[in-house]
Amino acid sequence: MVYGAEVSQIPTKEINKILSTEMDVLWRSARKSRMERIKNEHITEIMGVKGKPDIIDIIQQKRLQWYGHVKRMPEERIPKLIRDWIQRERRKRGCPRKTWMEEYKQP
């Protein structure tokens, strides 16, 4: 279970790390070595997870569930106020972080 992942943003770099760690766990669980030069698709077949959602898909599903939950909340609830809040001050220099809504609207 991924607790709290629905309310935080995950940078692309971190998503790649999460996916590679998930694949590493599958490799180790299958008791296979990288030296055997087996494709990842074959490892997912061996472990019986081919066609099933990966951890990032589960996080995105949880985000949608959380969005629907917050949307149904009364207007005075703090999570709903925070969701609609717009920052007034300028952000620091560099690549700006995405807001939760920008992350949600991304396909």
PDB file of N, CA and C in Angstrom:
ATOM      1  N   MET A   1       0.845  -1.178   0.000  1.00  0.00           N
ATOM      2  CA  MET A   1       0.000   0.000   0.000  1.00  0.00           C
ATOM      3  C   MET A   1       0.890   1.239   0.000  1.00  0.00           C
ATOM      4  N   VAL A   2       0.516   2.233  -0.743  1.00  0.00           N
ATOM      5  CA  VAL A   2       1.278   3.465  -0.849  1.00  0.00           C
ATOM      6  C   VAL A   2       0.509   4.550  -0.105  1.00  0.00           C
ATOM      7  N   TYR A   3       0.921   4.826   1.123  1.00  0.00           N
ATOM      8  CA  TYR A   3       0.202   5.787   1.941  1.00  0.00           C
ATOM      9  C   TYR A   3       0.684   7.203   1.665  1.00  0.00           C
ATOM     10  N   GLY A   4      -0.238   8.125   1.459  1.00  0.00           N
ATOM     11  CA  GLY A   4       0.084   9.527   1.288  1.00  0.00           C
ATOM     12  C   GLY A   4       0.585   9.905  -0.090  1.00  0.00           C
ATOM     13  N   ALA A   5       0.699   8.969  -1.005  1.00  0.00           N
ATOM     14  CA  ALA A   5       1.234   9.278  -2.339  1.00  0.00           C
ATOM     15  C   ALA A   5       0.243  10.084  -3.158  1.00  0.00           C
ATOM     16  N   GLU A   6      -1.036  10.051  -2.776  1.00  0.00           N
ATOM     17  CA  GLU A   6      -2.026  10.750  -3.587  1.00  0.00           C
ATOM     18  C   GLU A   6      -1.988  12.257  -3.408  1.00  0.00           C
ATOM     19  N   VAL A   7      -1.316  12.752  -2.370  1.00  0.00           N
ATOM     20  CA  VAL A   7      -1.307  14.190  -2.125  1.00  0.00           C
ATOM     21  C   VAL A   7       0.032  14.841  -2.422  1.00  0.00           C
ATOM     22  N   SER A   8       1.044  14.065  -2.767  1.00  0.00           N
ATOM     23  CA  SER A   8       2.349  14.647  -3.049  1.00  0.00           C
ATOM     24  C   SER A   8       2.704  14.489  -4.526  1.00  0.00           C
ATOM     25  N   GLN A   9       3.536  15.404  -5.016  1.00  0.00           N
ATOM     26  CA  GLN A   9       3.989  15.323  -6.396  1.00  0.00           C
ATOM     27  C   GLN A   9       5.250  14.469  -6.434  1.00  0.00           C
ATOM     28  N   ILE A  10       5.378  13.686  -7.484  1.00  0.00           N
ATOM     29  CA  ILE A  10       6.565  12.851  -7.655  1.00  0.00           C
ATOM     30  C   ILE A  10       7.255  13.294  -8.937  1.00  0.00           C
ATOM     31  N   PRO A  11       8.487  13.810  -8.825  1.00  0.00           N
ATOM     32  CA  PRO A  11       9.212  14.238 -10.029  1.00  0.00           C
ATOM     33  C   PRO A  11       9.489  13.046 -10.959  1.00  0.00           C
ATOM     34  N   THR A  12       9.696  13.338 -12.232  1.00  0.00           N
ATOM     35  CA  THR A  12       9.942  12.298 -13.235  1.00  0.00           C
ATOM     36  C   THR A  12      11.166  11.465 -12.870  1.00  0.00           C
ATOM     37  N   LYS A  13      12.181  12.106 -12.341  1.00  0.00           N
ATOM     38  CA  LYS A  13      13.393  11.402 -11.943  1.00  0.00           C
ATOM     39  C   LYS A  13      13.071  10.352 -10.870  1.00  0.00           C
ATOM     40  N   GLU A  14      12.227  10.735  -9.926  1.00  0.00           N
ATOM     41  CA  GLU A  14      11.848   9.807  -8.859  1.00  0.00           C
ATOM     42  C   GLU A  14      10.956   8.680  -9.392  1.00  0.00           C
ATOM     43  N   ILE A  15      10.108   8.990 -10.364  1.00  0.00           N
ATOM     44  CA  ILE A  15       9.253   7.957 -10.963  1.00  0.00           C
ATOM     45  C   ILE A  15      10.114   6.877 -11.606  1.00  0.00           C
ATOM     46  N   ASN A  16      11.163   7.298 -12.307  1.00  0.00           N
ATOM     47  CA  ASN A  16      12.065   6.330 -12.925  1.00  0.00           C
ATOM     48  C   ASN A  16      12.753   5.466 -11.877  1.00  0.00           C
ATOM     49  N   LYS A  17      13.145   6.064 -10.757  1.00  0.00           N
ATOM     50  CA  LYS A  17      13.775   5.302  -9.678  1.00  0.00           C
ATOM     51  C   LYS A  17      12.800   4.296  -9.079  1.00  0.00           C
ATOM     52  N   ILE A  18      11.557   4.711  -8.894  1.00  0.00           N
ATOM     53  CA  ILE A  18      10.538   3.822  -8.320  1.00  0.00           C
ATOM     54  C   ILE A  18      10.296   2.632  -9.240  1.00  0.00           C
ATOM     55  N   LEU A  19      10.160   2.905 -10.540  1.00  0.00           N
ATOM     56  CA  LEU A  19       9.914   1.829 -11.498  1.00  0.00           C
ATOM     57  C   LEU A  19      11.101   0.862 -11.581  1.00  0.00           C
ATOM     58  N   SER A  20      12.321   1.392 -11.541  1.00  0.00           N
ATOM     59  CA  SER A  20      13.486   0.502 -11.603  1.00  0.00           C
ATOM     60  C   SER A  20      13.616  -0.312 -10.324  1.00  0.00           C
ATOM     61  N   THR A  21      13.268   0.271  -9.188  1.00  0.00           N
ATOM     62  CA  THR A  21      13.294  -0.486  -7.933  1.00  0.00           C
ATOM     63  C   THR A  21      12.242  -1.585  -7.949  1.00  0.00           C
ATOM     64  N   GLU A  22      11.060  -1.275  -8.482  1.00  0.00           N
ATOM     65  CA  GLU A  22      10.012  -2.291  -8.583  1.00  0.00           C
ATOM     66  C   GLU A  22      10.479  -3.458  -9.467  1.00  0.00           C
ATOM     67  N   MET A  23      11.142  -3.141 -10.576  1.00  0.00           N
ATOM     68  CA  MET A  23      11.638  -4.189 -11.465  1.00  0.00           C
ATOM     69  C   MET A  23      12.749  -4.986 -10.795  1.00  0.00           C
ATOM     70  N   ASP A  24      13.587  -4.309 -10.009  1.00  0.00           N
ATOM     71  CA  ASP A  24      14.655  -4.995  -9.284  1.00  0.00           C
ATOM     72  C   ASP A  24      14.073  -5.993  -8.282  1.00  0.00           C
ATOM     73  N   VAL A  25      12.989  -5.606  -7.618  1.00  0.00           N
ATOM     74  CA  VAL A  25      12.331  -6.521  -6.678  1.00  0.00           C
ATOM     75  C   VAL A  25      11.798  -7.747  -7.419  1.00  0.00           C
ATOM     76  N   LEU A  26      11.239  -7.542  -8.600  1.00  0.00           N
ATOM     77  CA  LEU A  26      10.751  -8.675  -9.394  1.00  0.00           C
ATOM     78  C   LEU A  26      11.896  -9.594  -9.816  1.00  0.00           C
ATOM     79  N   TRP A  27      13.021  -9.010 -10.231  1.00  0.00           N
ATOM     80  CA  TRP A  27      14.182  -9.810 -10.613  1.00  0.00           C
ATOM     81  C   TRP A  27      14.648 -10.658  -9.435  1.00  0.00           C
ATOM     82  N   ARG A  28      14.760 -10.033  -8.273  1.00  0.00           N
ATOM     83  CA  ARG A  28      15.248 -10.757  -7.096  1.00  0.00           C
ATOM     84  C   ARG A  28      14.258 -11.826  -6.653  1.00  0.00           C
ATOM     85  N   SER A  29      12.973 -11.526  -6.746  1.00  0.00           N
ATOM     86  CA  SER A  29      11.949 -12.496  -6.359  1.00  0.00           C
ATOM     87  C   SER A  29      11.940 -13.703  -7.296  1.00  0.00           C
ATOM     88  N   ALA A  30      12.253 -13.455  -8.563  1.00  0.00           N
ATOM     89  CA  ALA A  30      12.308 -14.545  -9.535  1.00  0.00           C
ATOM     90  C   ALA A  30      13.614 -15.334  -9.431  1.00  0.00           C
ATOM     91  N   ARG A  31      14.531 -14.844  -8.596  1.00  0.00           N
ATOM     92  CA  ARG A  31      15.845 -15.462  -8.401  1.00  0.00           C
ATOM     93  C   ARG A  31      16.607 -15.577  -9.721  1.00  0.00           C
ATOM     94  N   LYS A  32      16.560 -14.490 -10.463  1.00  0.00           N
ATOM     95  CA  LYS A  32      17.277 -14.408 -11.732  1.00  0.00           C
ATOM     96  C   LYS A  32      18.349 -13.333 -11.611  1.00  0.00           C
ATOM     97  N   SER A  33      19.418 -13.500 -12.383  1.00  0.00           N
ATOM     98  CA  SER A  33      20.510 -12.548 -12.392  1.00  0.00           C
ATOM     99  C   SER A  33      20.476 -11.744 -13.682  1.00  0.00           C
ATOM    100  N   ARG A  34      20.996 -10.542 -13.636  1.00  0.00           N
ATOM    101  CA  ARG A  34      21.106  -9.727 -14.849  1.00  0.00           C
ATOM    102  C   ARG A  34      22.075 -10.366 -15.843  1.00  0.00           C
ATOM    103  N   MET A  35      22.959 -11.185 -15.327  1.00  0.00           N
ATOM    104  CA  MET A  35      23.923 -11.875 -16.187  1.00  0.00           C
ATOM    105  C   MET A  35      23.233 -12.868 -17.124  1.00  0.00           C
ATOM    106  N   GLU A  36      22.029 -13.301 -16.779  1.00  0.00           N
ATOM    107  CA  GLU A  36      21.293 -14.240 -17.619  1.00  0.00           C
ATOM    108  C   GLU A  36      20.694 -13.562 -18.853  1.00  0.00           C
ATOM    109  N   ARG A  37      20.700 -12.225 -18.860  1.00  0.00           N
ATOM    110  CA  ARG A  37      20.247 -11.421 -20.001  1.00  0.00           C
ATOM    111  C   ARG A  37      18.815 -11.777 -20.427  1.00  0.00           C
ATOM    112  N   ILE A  38      17.936 -11.830 -19.455  1.00  0.00           N
ATOM    113  CA  ILE A  38      16.519 -12.099 -19.702  1.00  0.00           C
ATOM    114  C   ILE A  38      15.818 -10.745 -19.798  1.00  0.00           C
ATOM    115  N   LYS A  39      14.870 -10.632 -20.697  1.00  0.00           N
ATOM    116  CA  LYS A  39      14.129  -9.370 -20.837  1.00  0.00           C
ATOM    117  C   LYS A  39      13.186  -9.166 -19.650  1.00  0.00           C
ATOM    118  N   ASN A  40      12.921  -7.898 -19.353  1.00  0.00           N
ATOM    119  CA  ASN A  40      12.021  -7.563 -18.250  1.00  0.00           C
ATOM    120  C   ASN A  40      10.614  -8.125 -18.469  1.00  0.00           C
ATOM    121  N   GLU A  41      10.174  -8.159 -19.723  1.00  0.00           N
ATOM    122  CA  GLU A  41       8.839  -8.687 -20.024  1.00  0.00           C
ATOM    123  C   GLU A  41       8.732 -10.156 -19.611  1.00  0.00           C
ATOM    124  N   HIS A  42       9.816 -10.901 -19.811  1.00  0.00           N
ATOM    125  CA  HIS A  42       9.815 -12.316 -19.432  1.00  0.00           C
ATOM    126  C   HIS A  42       9.774 -12.462 -17.900  1.00  0.00           C
ATOM    127  N   ILE A  43      10.468 -11.576 -17.200  1.00  0.00           N
ATOM    128  CA  ILE A  43      10.451 -11.606 -15.726  1.00  0.00           C
ATOM    129  C   ILE A  43       9.044 -11.320 -15.211  1.00  0.00           C
ATOM    130  N   THR A  44       8.347 -10.355 -15.841  1.00  0.00           N
ATOM    131  CA  THR A  44       6.977 -10.062 -15.395  1.00  0.00           C
ATOM    132  C   THR A  44       6.052 -11.243 -15.666  1.00  0.00           C
ATOM    133  N   GLU A  45       6.294 -11.971 -16.745  1.00  0.00           N
ATOM    134  CA  GLU A  45       5.507 -13.185 -17.022  1.00  0.00           C
ATOM    135  C   GLU A  45       5.776 -14.251 -15.971  1.00  0.00           C
ATOM    136  N   ILE A  46       7.053 -14.442 -15.638  1.00  0.00           N
ATOM    137  CA  ILE A  46       7.421 -15.446 -14.634  1.00  0.00           C
ATOM    138  C   ILE A  46       6.757 -15.134 -13.300  1.00  0.00           C
ATOM    139  N   MET A  47       6.746 -13.869 -12.913  1.00  0.00           N
ATOM    140  CA  MET A  47       6.201 -13.464 -11.615  1.00  0.00           C
ATOM    141  C   MET A  47       4.680 -13.314 -11.642  1.00  0.00           C
ATOM    142  N   GLY A  48       4.067 -13.403 -12.807  1.00  0.00           N
ATOM    143  CA  GLY A  48       2.611 -13.338 -12.907  1.00  0.00           C
ATOM    144  C   GLY A  48       2.031 -11.952 -12.769  1.00  0.00           C
ATOM    145  N   VAL A  49       2.810 -10.934 -13.095  1.00  0.00           N
ATOM    146  CA  VAL A  49       2.318  -9.559 -12.983  1.00  0.00           C
ATOM    147  C   VAL A  49       2.198  -8.876 -14.343  1.00  0.00           C
ATOM    148  N   LYS A  50       2.359  -9.643 -15.422  1.00  0.00           N
ATOM    149  CA  LYS A  50       2.242  -9.051 -16.759  1.00  0.00           C
ATOM    150  C   LYS A  50       0.804  -8.593 -16.988  1.00  0.00           C
ATOM    151  N   GLY A  51       0.651  -7.354 -17.436  1.00  0.00           N
ATOM    152  CA  GLY A  51      -0.670  -6.803 -17.697  1.00  0.00           C
ATOM    153  C   GLY A  51      -1.317  -6.173 -16.471  1.00  0.00           C
ATOM    154  N   LYS A  52      -0.713  -6.352 -15.298  1.00  0.00           N
ATOM    155  CA  LYS A  52      -1.248  -5.739 -14.080  1.00  0.00           C
ATOM    156  C   LYS A  52      -0.639  -4.358 -13.913  1.00  0.00           C
ATOM    157  N   PRO A  53      -1.330  -3.455 -13.209  1.00  0.00           N
ATOM    158  CA  PRO A  53      -0.800  -2.095 -13.057  1.00  0.00           C
ATOM    159  C   PRO A  53       0.471  -2.075 -12.207  1.00  0.00           C
ATOM    160  N   ASP A  54       1.395  -1.175 -12.587  1.00  0.00           N
ATOM    161  CA  ASP A  54       2.595  -1.013 -11.776  1.00  0.00           C
ATOM    162  C   ASP A  54       2.328   0.007 -10.673  1.00  0.00           C
ATOM    163  N   ILE A  55       3.327   0.299  -9.878  1.00  0.00           N
ATOM    164  CA  ILE A  55       3.148   1.154  -8.701  1.00  0.00           C
ATOM    165  C   ILE A  55       2.732   2.577  -9.093  1.00  0.00           C
ATOM    166  N   ILE A  56       3.216   3.080 -10.214  1.00  0.00           N
ATOM    167  CA  ILE A  56       2.867   4.435 -10.656  1.00  0.00           C
ATOM    168  C   ILE A  56       1.399   4.496 -11.072  1.00  0.00           C
ATOM    169  N   ASP A  57       0.911   3.447 -11.732  1.00  0.00           N
ATOM    170  CA  ASP A  57      -0.514   3.388 -12.089  1.00  0.00           C
ATOM    171  C   ASP A  57      -1.389   3.386 -10.839  1.00  0.00           C
ATOM    172  N   ILE A  58      -0.952   2.676  -9.813  1.00  0.00           N
ATOM    173  CA  ILE A  58      -1.702   2.625  -8.557  1.00  0.00           C
ATOM    174  C   ILE A  58      -1.724   3.995  -7.898  1.00  0.00           C
ATOM    175  N   ILE A  59      -0.595   4.701  -7.923  1.00  0.00           N
ATOM    176  CA  ILE A  59      -0.533   6.054  -7.351  1.00  0.00           C
ATOM    177  C   ILE A  59      -1.471   6.990  -8.096  1.00  0.00           C
ATOM    178  N   GLN A  60      -1.490   6.918  -9.430  1.00  0.00           N
ATOM    179  CA  GLN A  60      -2.386   7.776 -10.208  1.00  0.00           C
ATOM    180  C   GLN A  60      -3.851   7.467  -9.912  1.00  0.00           C
ATOM    181  N   GLN A  61      -4.170   6.200  -9.726  1.00  0.00           N
ATOM    182  CA  GLN A  61      -5.539   5.819  -9.376  1.00  0.00           C
ATOM    183  C   GLN A  61      -5.912   6.381  -8.000  1.00  0.00           C
ATOM    184  N   LYS A  62      -4.987   6.316  -7.054  1.00  0.00           N
ATOM    185  CA  LYS A  62      -5.237   6.861  -5.723  1.00  0.00           C
ATOM    186  C   LYS A  62      -5.418   8.376  -5.772  1.00  0.00           C
ATOM    187  N   ARG A  63      -4.660   9.053  -6.663  1.00  0.00           N
ATOM    188  CA  ARG A  63      -4.821  10.502  -6.811  1.00  0.00           C
ATOM    189  C   ARG A  63      -6.227  10.849  -7.298  1.00  0.00           C
ATOM    190  N   LEU A  64      -6.716  10.090  -8.259  1.00  0.00           N
ATOM    191  CA  LEU A  64      -8.067  10.338  -8.763  1.00  0.00           C
ATOM    192  C   LEU A  64      -9.111  10.090  -7.675  1.00  0.00           C
ATOM    193  N   GLN A  65      -8.916   9.050  -6.876  1.00  0.00           N
ATOM    194  CA  GLN A  65      -9.841   8.775  -5.774  1.00  0.00           C
ATOM    195  C   GLN A  65      -9.826   9.926  -4.770  1.00  0.00           C
ATOM    196  N   TRP A  66      -8.615  10.431  -4.450  1.00  0.00           N
ATOM    197  CA  TRP A  66      -8.497  11.536  -3.497  1.00  0.00           C
ATOM    198  C   TRP A  66      -9.140  12.795  -4.063  1.00  0.00           C
ATOM    199  N   TYR A  67      -8.948  13.055  -5.351  1.00  0.00           N
ATOM    200  CA  TYR A  67      -9.548  14.229  -5.982  1.00  0.00           C
ATOM    201  C   TYR A  67     -11.078  14.169  -5.882  1.00  0.00           C
ATOM    202  N   GLY A  68     -11.642  13.015  -6.174  1.00  0.00           N
ATOM    203  CA  GLY A  68     -13.092  12.868  -6.061  1.00  0.00           C
ATOM    204  C   GLY A  68     -13.570  13.040  -4.641  1.00  0.00           C
ATOM    205  N   HIS A  69     -12.794  12.542  -3.681  1.00  0.00           N
ATOM    206  CA  HIS A  69     -13.147  12.676  -2.265  1.00  0.00           C
ATOM    207  C   HIS A  69     -13.143  14.150  -1.850  1.00  0.00           C
ATOM    208  N   VAL A  70     -12.105  14.879  -2.247  1.00  0.00           N
ATOM    209  CA  VAL A  70     -11.999  16.297  -1.890  1.00  0.00           C
ATOM    210  C   VAL A  70     -13.080  17.100  -2.599  1.00  0.00           C
ATOM    211  N   LYS A  71     -13.385  16.754  -3.833  1.00  0.00           N
ATOM    212  CA  LYS A  71     -14.395  17.486  -4.602  1.00  0.00           C
ATOM    213  C   LYS A  71     -15.776  17.390  -3.954  1.00  0.00           C
ATOM    214  N   ARG A  72     -16.058  16.250  -3.318  1.00  0.00           N
ATOM    215  CA  ARG A  72     -17.357  16.070  -2.666  1.00  0.00           C
ATOM    216  C   ARG A  72     -17.423  16.692  -1.273  1.00  0.00           C
ATOM    217  N   MET A  73     -16.293  17.162  -0.746  1.00  0.00           N
ATOM    218  CA  MET A  73     -16.268  17.750   0.594  1.00  0.00           C
ATOM    219  C   MET A  73     -17.014  19.082   0.617  1.00  0.00           C
ATOM    220  N   PRO A  74     -17.511  19.465   1.813  1.00  0.00           N
ATOM    221  CA  PRO A  74     -18.095  20.806   1.945  1.00  0.00           C
ATOM    222  C   PRO A  74     -17.041  21.887   1.688  1.00  0.00           C
ATOM    223  N   GLU A  75     -17.498  23.049   1.274  1.00  0.00           N
ATOM    224  CA  GLU A  75     -16.588  24.131   0.875  1.00  0.00           C
ATOM    225  C   GLU A  75     -15.682  24.609   2.000  1.00  0.00           C
ATOM    226  N   GLU A  76     -16.093  24.482   3.258  1.00  0.00           N
ATOM    227  CA  GLU A  76     -15.307  25.024   4.368  1.00  0.00           C
ATOM    228  C   GLU A  76     -14.219  24.074   4.867  1.00  0.00           C
ATOM    229  N   ARG A  77     -14.134  22.874   4.337  1.00  0.00           N
ATOM    230  CA  ARG A  77     -13.119  21.906   4.774  1.00  0.00           C
ATOM    231  C   ARG A  77     -11.734  22.341   4.308  1.00  0.00           C
ATOM    232  N   ILE A  78     -10.734  22.137   5.138  1.00  0.00           N
ATOM    233  CA  ILE A  78      -9.374  22.595   4.860  1.00  0.00           C
ATOM    234  C   ILE A  78      -8.783  21.963   3.592  1.00  0.00           C
ATOM    235  N   PRO A  79      -8.921  20.645   3.353  1.00  0.00           N
ATOM    236  CA  PRO A  79      -8.350  20.114   2.107  1.00  0.00           C
ATOM    237  C   PRO A  79      -8.915  20.775   0.852  1.00  0.00           C
ATOM    238  N   LYS A  80     -10.183  21.123   0.886  1.00  0.00           N
ATOM    239  CA  LYS A  80     -10.784  21.767  -0.288  1.00  0.00           C
ATOM    240  C   LYS A  80     -10.290  23.209  -0.420  1.00  0.00           C
ATOM    241  N   LEU A  81     -10.113  23.897   0.691  1.00  0.00           N
ATOM    242  CA  LEU A  81      -9.580  25.259   0.650  1.00  0.00           C
ATOM    243  C   LEU A  81      -8.146  25.257   0.126  1.00  0.00           C
ATOM    244  N   ILE A  82      -7.361  24.287   0.555  1.00  0.00           N
ATOM    245  CA  ILE A  82      -5.968  24.206   0.108  1.00  0.00           C
ATOM    246  C   ILE A  82      -5.908  23.875  -1.379  1.00  0.00           C
ATOM    247  N   ARG A  83      -6.790  22.998  -1.846  1.00  0.00           N
ATOM    248  CA  ARG A  83      -6.796  22.631  -3.266  1.00  0.00           C
ATOM    249  C   ARG A  83      -7.039  23.846  -4.145  1.00  0.00           C
ATOM    250  N   ASP A  84      -7.893  24.753  -3.717  1.00  0.00           N
ATOM    251  CA  ASP A  84      -8.243  25.928  -4.514  1.00  0.00           C
ATOM    252  C   ASP A  84      -7.359  27.144  -4.236  1.00  0.00           C
ATOM    253  N   TRP A  85      -6.413  27.006  -3.298  1.00  0.00           N
ATOM    254  CA  TRP A  85      -5.555  28.110  -2.908  1.00  0.00           C
ATOM    255  C   TRP A  85      -4.556  28.439  -4.001  1.00  0.00           C
ATOM    256  N   ILE A  86      -4.344  29.746  -4.240  1.00  0.00           N
ATOM    257  CA  ILE A  86      -3.367  30.201  -5.228  1.00  0.00           C
ATOM    258  C   ILE A  86      -2.295  30.979  -4.486  1.00  0.00           C
ATOM    259  N   GLN A  87      -1.044  30.620  -4.712  1.00  0.00           N
ATOM    260  CA  GLN A  87       0.073  31.267  -4.042  1.00  0.00           C
ATOM    261  C   GLN A  87       0.245  32.679  -4.577  1.00  0.00           C
ATOM    262  N   ARG A  88       0.387  33.646  -3.683  1.00  0.00           N
ATOM    263  CA  ARG A  88       0.476  35.053  -4.088  1.00  0.00           C
ATOM    264  C   ARG A  88       1.919  35.497  -4.329  1.00  0.00           C
ATOM    265  N   GLU A  89       2.866  34.912  -3.625  1.00  0.00           N
ATOM    266  CA  GLU A  89       4.243  35.375  -3.769  1.00  0.00           C
ATOM    267  C   GLU A  89       4.940  34.648  -4.915  1.00  0.00           C
ATOM    268  N   ARG A  90       6.042  35.226  -5.368  1.00  0.00           N
ATOM    269  CA  ARG A  90       6.777  34.644  -6.482  1.00  0.00           C
ATOM    270  C   ARG A  90       7.522  33.397  -6.040  1.00  0.00           C
ATOM    271  N   ARG A  91       7.693  32.497  -6.971  1.00  0.00           N
ATOM    272  CA  ARG A  91       8.475  31.291  -6.702  1.00  0.00           C
ATOM    273  C   ARG A  91       9.952  31.575  -6.897  1.00  0.00           C
ATOM    274  N   LYS A  92      10.779  30.691  -6.352  1.00  0.00           N
ATOM    275  CA  LYS A  92      12.214  30.841  -6.516  1.00  0.00           C
ATOM    276  C   LYS A  92      12.606  30.611  -7.974  1.00  0.00           C
ATOM    277  N   ARG A  93      13.788  31.048  -8.279  1.00  0.00           N
ATOM    278  CA  ARG A  93      14.320  30.912  -9.624  1.00  0.00           C
ATOM    279  C   ARG A  93      14.538  29.438  -9.968  1.00  0.00           C
ATOM    280  N   GLY A  94      14.396  29.109 -11.240  1.00  0.00           N
ATOM    281  CA  GLY A  94      14.616  27.741 -11.679  1.00  0.00           C
ATOM    282  C   GLY A  94      13.333  27.113 -12.169  1.00  0.00           C
ATOM    283  N   CYS A  95      13.368  25.820 -12.363  1.00  0.00           N
ATOM    284  CA  CYS A  95      12.202  25.095 -12.853  1.00  0.00           C
ATOM    285  C   CYS A  95      11.144  25.024 -11.754  1.00  0.00           C
ATOM    286  N   PRO A  96       9.980  25.620 -11.964  1.00  0.00           N
ATOM    287  CA  PRO A  96       8.970  25.637 -10.896  1.00  0.00           C
ATOM    288  C   PRO A  96       8.358  24.265 -10.672  1.00  0.00           C
ATOM    289  N   ARG A  97       8.039  23.988  -9.419  1.00  0.00           N
ATOM    290  CA  ARG A  97       7.354  22.753  -9.095  1.00  0.00           C
ATOM    291  C   ARG A  97       5.926  22.828  -9.594  1.00  0.00           C
ATOM    292  N   LYS A  98       5.385  21.687  -9.965  1.00  0.00           N
ATOM    293  CA  LYS A  98       4.003  21.649 -10.399  1.00  0.00           C
ATOM    294  C   LYS A  98       3.093  21.668  -9.182  1.00  0.00           C
ATOM    295  N   THR A  99       1.958  22.319  -9.336  1.00  0.00           N
ATOM    296  CA  THR A  99       0.963  22.256  -8.275  1.00  0.00           C
ATOM    297  C   THR A  99       0.251  20.916  -8.370  1.00  0.00           C
ATOM    298  N   TRP A 100      -0.542  20.594  -7.339  1.00  0.00           N
ATOM    299  CA  TRP A 100      -1.253  19.321  -7.329  1.00  0.00           C
ATOM    300  C   TRP A 100      -2.213  19.249  -8.504  1.00  0.00           C
ATOM    301  N   MET A 101      -2.896  20.354  -8.801  1.00  0.00           N
ATOM    302  CA  MET A 101      -3.862  20.360  -9.902  1.00  0.00           C
ATOM    303  C   MET A 101      -3.161  20.204 -11.251  1.00  0.00           C
ATOM    304  N   GLU A 102      -1.982  20.804 -11.432  1.00  0.00           N
ATOM    305  CA  GLU A 102      -1.232  20.630 -12.676  1.00  0.00           C
ATOM    306  C   GLU A 102      -0.821  19.171 -12.842  1.00  0.00           C
ATOM    307  N   GLU A 103      -0.441  18.542 -11.747  1.00  0.00           N
ATOM    308  CA  GLU A 103      -0.067  17.127 -11.781  1.00  0.00           C
ATOM    309  C   GLU A 103      -1.273  16.265 -12.091  1.00  0.00           C
ATOM    310  N   TYR A 104      -2.426  16.645 -11.550  1.00  0.00           N
ATOM    311  CA  TYR A 104      -3.655  15.885 -11.773  1.00  0.00           C
ATOM    312  C   TYR A 104      -4.116  15.984 -13.222  1.00  0.00           C
ATOM    313  N   LYS A 105      -4.016  17.186 -13.806  1.00  0.00           N
ATOM    314  CA  LYS A 105      -4.510  17.410 -15.161  1.00  0.00           C
ATOM    315  C   LYS A 105      -3.612  16.782 -16.211  1.00  0.00           C
ATOM    316  N   GLN A 106      -2.385  16.426 -15.830  1.00  0.00           N
ATOM    317  CA  GLN A 106      -1.444  15.818 -16.769  1.00  0.00           C
ATOM    318  C   GLN A 106      -1.935  14.430 -17.155  1.00  0.00           C
ATOM    319  N   PRO A 107      -1.892  14.068 -18.464  1.00  0.00           N
ATOM    320  CA  PRO A 107      -2.412  12.747 -18.884  1.00  0.00           C
ATOM    321  C   PRO A 107      -1.589  11.591 -18.397  1.00  0.00           C
TER     322      PRO A 107
END
